[in-house]
N, C-alpha and C. Protein backbone atom coordinates (compact mmCIF):
# COMPACT_ATOMS: atom_id res chain seq x y z
N UNK A 1 -1.05 7.42 6.88
CA UNK A 1 -0.01 6.89 6.17
C UNK A 1 -0.23 6.81 4.60
N UNK A 2 -1.47 6.95 4.25
CA UNK A 2 -1.88 6.87 2.80
C UNK A 2 -2.61 8.07 2.59
N UNK A 3 -2.33 8.96 1.54
CA UNK A 3 -3.00 10.12 1.26
C UNK A 3 -4.43 9.70 0.89
N UNK A 4 -5.40 10.49 1.51
CA UNK A 4 -6.80 10.15 1.24
C UNK A 4 -7.33 9.08 2.03
N UNK A 5 -6.48 8.41 2.83
CA UNK A 5 -6.97 7.27 3.70
C UNK A 5 -6.74 6.03 3.19
N UNK A 6 -6.83 4.83 3.91
CA UNK A 6 -6.55 3.61 3.61
C UNK A 6 -7.70 3.17 2.64
N UNK A 7 -7.37 2.62 1.44
CA UNK A 7 -8.34 2.23 0.46
C UNK A 7 -8.97 0.90 0.58
N UNK A 8 -8.89 0.27 1.85
CA UNK A 8 -9.56 -0.96 1.98
C UNK A 8 -10.01 -1.02 3.34
N UNK A 9 -11.00 -1.89 3.69
CA UNK A 9 -11.44 -1.94 5.03
C UNK A 9 -10.54 -2.47 6.01
N UNK A 10 -10.60 -1.88 7.14
CA UNK A 10 -9.76 -2.19 8.45
C UNK A 10 -10.75 -2.11 9.56
N UNK A 11 -10.36 -2.82 10.66
CA UNK A 11 -11.30 -2.76 11.78
C UNK A 11 -10.49 -2.92 13.06
N UNK A 12 -11.16 -2.46 14.10
CA UNK A 12 -10.69 -2.54 15.53
C UNK A 12 -11.45 -3.54 16.31
N UNK A 13 -10.83 -4.25 17.20
CA UNK A 13 -11.58 -5.26 17.95
C UNK A 13 -11.32 -5.17 19.42
N UNK A 14 -11.89 -3.99 19.93
CA UNK A 14 -11.64 -3.77 21.41
C UNK A 14 -12.02 -4.89 22.29
N UNK A 15 -13.07 -5.66 22.18
CA UNK A 15 -13.55 -6.74 22.95
C UNK A 15 -12.91 -8.06 22.70
N UNK A 16 -12.27 -8.20 21.63
CA UNK A 16 -11.62 -9.44 21.23
C UNK A 16 -12.58 -10.41 20.57
N UNK A 17 -13.81 -10.08 20.30
CA UNK A 17 -14.81 -11.01 19.72
C UNK A 17 -14.29 -11.66 18.37
N UNK A 18 -13.90 -10.69 17.49
CA UNK A 18 -13.46 -11.13 16.15
C UNK A 18 -12.07 -11.99 16.36
N UNK A 19 -11.21 -11.31 17.17
CA UNK A 19 -9.97 -12.00 17.31
C UNK A 19 -10.08 -13.46 17.87
N UNK A 20 -11.14 -13.66 18.73
CA UNK A 20 -11.42 -15.08 19.23
C UNK A 20 -11.67 -15.95 17.96
N UNK A 21 -12.56 -15.40 17.17
CA UNK A 21 -13.02 -16.20 16.03
C UNK A 21 -11.89 -16.67 15.14
N UNK A 22 -10.93 -15.68 15.01
CA UNK A 22 -9.75 -15.91 14.07
C UNK A 22 -8.58 -16.64 14.88
N UNK A 23 -8.72 -16.80 16.21
CA UNK A 23 -7.68 -17.53 16.95
C UNK A 23 -6.42 -16.63 17.22
N UNK A 24 -6.64 -15.26 17.35
CA UNK A 24 -5.66 -14.27 17.52
C UNK A 24 -5.68 -13.49 18.92
N UNK A 25 -6.79 -13.74 19.58
CA UNK A 25 -7.10 -13.09 20.83
C UNK A 25 -6.38 -13.63 21.99
N UNK A 26 -5.53 -12.81 22.69
CA UNK A 26 -4.84 -13.22 23.76
C UNK A 26 -5.60 -12.76 25.11
N UNK A 27 -6.33 -13.87 25.64
CA UNK A 27 -7.18 -13.55 26.84
C UNK A 27 -6.44 -12.95 27.98
N UNK A 28 -5.22 -13.50 28.30
CA UNK A 28 -4.50 -13.03 29.38
C UNK A 28 -4.19 -11.56 29.31
N UNK A 29 -3.78 -10.95 28.19
CA UNK A 29 -3.36 -9.56 28.04
C UNK A 29 -4.56 -8.73 27.66
N UNK A 30 -5.71 -9.44 27.13
CA UNK A 30 -6.82 -8.72 26.70
C UNK A 30 -6.77 -7.97 25.38
N UNK A 31 -5.89 -8.43 24.44
CA UNK A 31 -5.60 -7.83 23.20
C UNK A 31 -5.46 -8.93 22.12
N UNK A 32 -5.56 -8.41 20.91
CA UNK A 32 -5.47 -9.28 19.85
C UNK A 32 -3.97 -9.29 19.45
N UNK A 33 -3.53 -10.48 19.13
CA UNK A 33 -2.13 -10.66 18.53
C UNK A 33 -2.27 -9.92 17.10
N UNK A 34 -1.20 -9.38 16.56
CA UNK A 34 -1.30 -8.86 15.29
C UNK A 34 -1.62 -9.93 14.20
N UNK A 35 -2.76 -9.71 13.54
CA UNK A 35 -3.19 -10.64 12.54
C UNK A 35 -3.63 -9.93 11.19
N UNK A 36 -3.26 -10.52 10.18
CA UNK A 36 -3.68 -9.97 8.94
C UNK A 36 -4.31 -11.04 8.01
N UNK A 37 -5.53 -10.95 7.56
CA UNK A 37 -6.30 -11.91 6.92
C UNK A 37 -6.78 -11.31 5.64
N UNK A 38 -6.37 -11.97 4.43
CA UNK A 38 -6.86 -11.47 3.12
C UNK A 38 -8.06 -12.34 2.84
N UNK A 39 -9.25 -11.62 2.81
CA UNK A 39 -10.52 -12.46 2.61
C UNK A 39 -11.06 -12.03 1.20
N UNK A 40 -11.38 -12.99 0.30
CA UNK A 40 -11.76 -12.63 -0.99
C UNK A 40 -13.27 -12.23 -0.96
N UNK A 41 -13.78 -11.78 -2.11
CA UNK A 41 -15.15 -11.26 -2.21
C UNK A 41 -16.19 -12.31 -1.83
N UNK A 42 -15.66 -13.58 -1.88
CA UNK A 42 -16.77 -14.69 -1.47
C UNK A 42 -16.70 -14.99 -0.05
N UNK A 43 -15.87 -14.27 0.80
CA UNK A 43 -15.68 -14.59 2.16
C UNK A 43 -14.74 -15.64 2.51
N UNK A 44 -13.85 -16.00 1.62
CA UNK A 44 -12.87 -16.97 1.85
C UNK A 44 -11.49 -16.50 2.24
N UNK A 45 -10.99 -17.03 3.31
CA UNK A 45 -9.68 -16.46 3.70
C UNK A 45 -8.66 -17.19 2.77
N UNK A 46 -8.02 -16.24 1.97
CA UNK A 46 -6.97 -16.64 1.07
C UNK A 46 -5.49 -16.64 1.68
N UNK A 47 -5.36 -15.76 2.63
CA UNK A 47 -4.01 -15.74 3.27
C UNK A 47 -4.13 -15.14 4.74
N UNK A 48 -3.32 -15.60 5.58
CA UNK A 48 -3.30 -15.12 6.93
C UNK A 48 -1.80 -14.97 7.51
N UNK A 49 -1.56 -14.04 8.27
CA UNK A 49 -0.19 -13.77 8.71
C UNK A 49 -0.42 -13.36 10.26
N UNK A 50 0.21 -14.09 11.22
CA UNK A 50 0.07 -13.65 12.50
C UNK A 50 1.50 -13.32 12.96
N UNK A 51 1.64 -12.12 13.58
CA UNK A 51 2.87 -11.57 13.96
C UNK A 51 2.87 -11.29 15.49
N UNK A 52 3.88 -11.64 16.23
CA UNK A 52 3.93 -11.14 17.59
C UNK A 52 4.56 -9.73 17.49
N UNK A 53 4.40 -8.86 18.52
CA UNK A 53 4.76 -7.47 18.54
C UNK A 53 6.18 -7.24 18.21
N UNK A 54 7.24 -8.14 18.61
CA UNK A 54 8.63 -7.77 18.29
C UNK A 54 9.07 -7.68 16.88
N UNK A 55 8.21 -8.10 15.95
CA UNK A 55 8.64 -8.23 14.55
C UNK A 55 7.57 -7.46 13.75
N UNK A 56 7.91 -6.59 13.04
CA UNK A 56 7.06 -5.75 12.06
C UNK A 56 6.69 -6.41 10.90
N UNK A 57 5.59 -5.81 10.22
CA UNK A 57 5.13 -6.47 8.96
C UNK A 57 5.73 -5.79 7.85
N UNK A 58 5.56 -6.29 6.57
CA UNK A 58 6.16 -5.71 5.49
C UNK A 58 4.97 -5.35 4.49
N UNK A 59 4.70 -4.07 4.41
CA UNK A 59 3.49 -3.52 3.72
C UNK A 59 3.69 -3.83 2.27
N UNK A 60 4.92 -3.74 1.64
CA UNK A 60 5.11 -4.12 0.34
C UNK A 60 4.68 -5.52 -0.04
N UNK A 61 5.00 -6.39 0.84
CA UNK A 61 4.67 -7.79 0.52
C UNK A 61 3.15 -8.00 0.68
N UNK A 62 2.47 -7.33 1.59
CA UNK A 62 1.06 -7.37 1.71
C UNK A 62 0.36 -6.86 0.37
N UNK A 63 0.86 -5.71 -0.16
CA UNK A 63 0.36 -5.21 -1.31
C UNK A 63 0.60 -6.14 -2.51
N UNK A 64 1.76 -6.73 -2.57
CA UNK A 64 2.09 -7.78 -3.57
C UNK A 64 1.17 -8.99 -3.56
N UNK A 65 0.86 -9.42 -2.48
CA UNK A 65 -0.05 -10.64 -2.20
C UNK A 65 -1.44 -10.20 -2.72
N UNK A 66 -1.89 -9.08 -2.43
CA UNK A 66 -3.24 -8.60 -2.78
C UNK A 66 -3.33 -8.55 -4.28
N UNK A 67 -2.24 -7.97 -4.81
CA UNK A 67 -2.38 -7.93 -6.38
C UNK A 67 -2.23 -9.29 -7.01
N UNK A 68 -1.48 -10.18 -6.38
CA UNK A 68 -1.30 -11.63 -7.00
C UNK A 68 -2.71 -12.24 -6.81
N UNK A 69 -3.36 -12.09 -5.65
CA UNK A 69 -4.69 -12.75 -5.50
C UNK A 69 -5.71 -12.17 -6.40
N UNK A 70 -5.63 -10.85 -6.76
CA UNK A 70 -6.56 -10.23 -7.59
C UNK A 70 -6.23 -10.62 -9.05
N UNK A 71 -5.02 -10.95 -9.29
CA UNK A 71 -4.64 -11.44 -10.73
C UNK A 71 -5.23 -12.84 -10.96
N UNK A 72 -5.02 -13.75 -9.93
CA UNK A 72 -5.43 -15.02 -9.97
C UNK A 72 -6.94 -15.17 -10.14
N UNK A 73 -7.66 -14.24 -9.42
CA UNK A 73 -9.24 -14.12 -9.41
C UNK A 73 -9.54 -13.74 -10.83
N UNK A 74 -8.93 -12.71 -11.37
CA UNK A 74 -9.28 -12.11 -12.69
C UNK A 74 -9.11 -13.17 -13.79
N UNK A 75 -8.08 -14.02 -13.64
CA UNK A 75 -7.71 -15.04 -14.52
C UNK A 75 -8.67 -16.38 -14.34
N UNK A 76 -9.54 -16.22 -13.32
CA UNK A 76 -10.31 -17.45 -12.92
C UNK A 76 -9.65 -18.77 -12.78
N UNK A 77 -8.34 -18.58 -12.19
CA UNK A 77 -7.51 -19.77 -11.79
C UNK A 77 -6.75 -20.26 -12.88
N UNK A 78 -6.88 -19.74 -14.11
CA UNK A 78 -6.12 -20.31 -15.37
C UNK A 78 -4.66 -19.90 -15.27
N UNK A 79 -4.35 -18.95 -14.37
CA UNK A 79 -2.94 -18.47 -14.27
C UNK A 79 -2.65 -18.35 -12.70
N UNK A 80 -1.49 -18.78 -12.30
CA UNK A 80 -1.00 -18.60 -10.81
C UNK A 80 0.15 -17.74 -10.73
N UNK A 81 0.36 -17.26 -9.62
CA UNK A 81 1.56 -16.28 -9.45
C UNK A 81 2.55 -17.02 -8.50
N UNK A 82 3.78 -17.20 -9.07
CA UNK A 82 4.90 -17.85 -8.36
C UNK A 82 5.48 -16.98 -7.14
N UNK A 83 6.20 -17.43 -6.32
CA UNK A 83 6.83 -16.63 -5.27
C UNK A 83 7.47 -15.45 -5.81
N UNK A 84 7.33 -14.30 -5.12
CA UNK A 84 7.85 -13.18 -5.50
C UNK A 84 7.25 -12.42 -6.71
N UNK A 85 6.22 -12.94 -7.30
CA UNK A 85 5.55 -12.37 -8.45
C UNK A 85 5.23 -10.97 -8.13
N UNK A 86 5.47 -10.20 -9.30
CA UNK A 86 5.10 -8.74 -9.41
C UNK A 86 4.17 -8.57 -10.59
N UNK A 87 3.25 -7.49 -10.52
CA UNK A 87 2.35 -7.28 -11.76
C UNK A 87 3.21 -7.28 -13.02
N UNK A 88 2.80 -7.96 -13.94
CA UNK A 88 3.53 -7.93 -15.19
C UNK A 88 4.54 -9.08 -15.28
N UNK A 89 4.79 -9.75 -14.11
CA UNK A 89 5.74 -10.78 -14.11
C UNK A 89 5.31 -12.09 -14.74
N UNK A 90 6.07 -13.09 -14.80
CA UNK A 90 5.78 -14.27 -15.34
C UNK A 90 4.77 -15.07 -14.52
N UNK A 91 3.77 -15.55 -15.18
CA UNK A 91 2.73 -16.42 -14.41
C UNK A 91 2.92 -17.87 -14.81
N UNK A 92 2.23 -18.75 -14.17
CA UNK A 92 2.27 -20.19 -14.48
C UNK A 92 0.89 -20.67 -14.85
N UNK A 93 0.75 -21.68 -15.64
CA UNK A 93 -0.49 -22.26 -15.96
C UNK A 93 -0.66 -23.56 -15.22
N UNK A 94 -1.53 -23.45 -14.17
CA UNK A 94 -1.65 -24.77 -13.17
C UNK A 94 -2.20 -25.92 -14.06
N UNK A 95 -1.85 -27.14 -13.65
CA UNK A 95 -2.33 -28.26 -14.22
C UNK A 95 -1.36 -29.51 -13.96
N UNK A 96 -1.72 -30.60 -14.34
CA UNK A 96 -0.87 -31.81 -14.19
C UNK A 96 0.42 -31.81 -14.77
N UNK A 97 0.54 -31.15 -15.82
CA UNK A 97 1.85 -30.95 -16.51
C UNK A 97 2.83 -30.13 -15.75
N UNK A 98 2.33 -29.18 -14.78
CA UNK A 98 3.30 -28.58 -14.00
C UNK A 98 3.74 -29.11 -12.78
N UNK A 99 2.97 -30.14 -12.26
CA UNK A 99 3.37 -30.88 -11.03
C UNK A 99 4.75 -31.49 -11.11
N UNK A 100 5.57 -30.98 -10.14
CA UNK A 100 6.90 -31.50 -10.07
C UNK A 100 7.80 -30.90 -11.04
N UNK A 101 7.39 -29.98 -11.89
CA UNK A 101 8.21 -29.31 -12.91
C UNK A 101 8.24 -27.80 -12.87
N UNK A 102 7.88 -27.25 -11.67
CA UNK A 102 7.83 -25.80 -11.67
C UNK A 102 9.34 -25.35 -11.98
N UNK A 103 10.32 -25.84 -11.32
CA UNK A 103 11.60 -25.29 -11.49
C UNK A 103 12.17 -25.46 -12.91
N UNK A 104 11.46 -26.19 -13.83
CA UNK A 104 11.92 -26.27 -15.19
C UNK A 104 11.30 -25.15 -16.04
N UNK A 105 10.21 -24.44 -15.50
CA UNK A 105 9.61 -23.37 -16.28
C UNK A 105 9.69 -21.96 -15.58
N UNK A 106 10.16 -22.05 -14.23
CA UNK A 106 10.24 -20.75 -13.53
C UNK A 106 11.34 -20.90 -12.54
N UNK A 107 11.92 -19.76 -12.40
CA UNK A 107 13.09 -19.60 -11.46
C UNK A 107 12.92 -18.19 -10.73
N UNK A 108 13.38 -18.19 -9.51
CA UNK A 108 13.33 -16.93 -8.71
C UNK A 108 14.00 -15.78 -9.55
N UNK A 109 14.89 -16.04 -10.35
CA UNK A 109 15.69 -15.10 -11.21
C UNK A 109 14.67 -14.41 -12.07
N UNK A 110 13.51 -15.12 -12.47
CA UNK A 110 12.58 -14.55 -13.36
C UNK A 110 11.89 -13.31 -12.73
N UNK A 111 11.90 -13.16 -11.46
CA UNK A 111 11.30 -12.16 -10.65
C UNK A 111 12.33 -11.02 -10.34
N UNK A 112 13.57 -11.25 -10.64
CA UNK A 112 14.46 -10.23 -10.20
C UNK A 112 14.58 -8.97 -11.13
């Protein structure tokens, strides 16, 4: 699907050992339920999505999330990415002054 191969680690879990650890292994059917986990370089799960087979995943949203987590990490937490953020889009400065006032400084229209 990607020329040159997938540029990030993926794995298979034929025996369900990893799926059991992440809570996505279905013992009755002997397979993992679709799971996506974004794990940062420190080994911390930053995002997880569990999907049953009837509904497909959104690759564009996955890539957007990876870029957003990379941006936040590069900014050392001084900037956060609102819903729908795209690279180059408006970021927010987290802190007590932002609590309860996000809608005064950001709107979904900012990402359109």
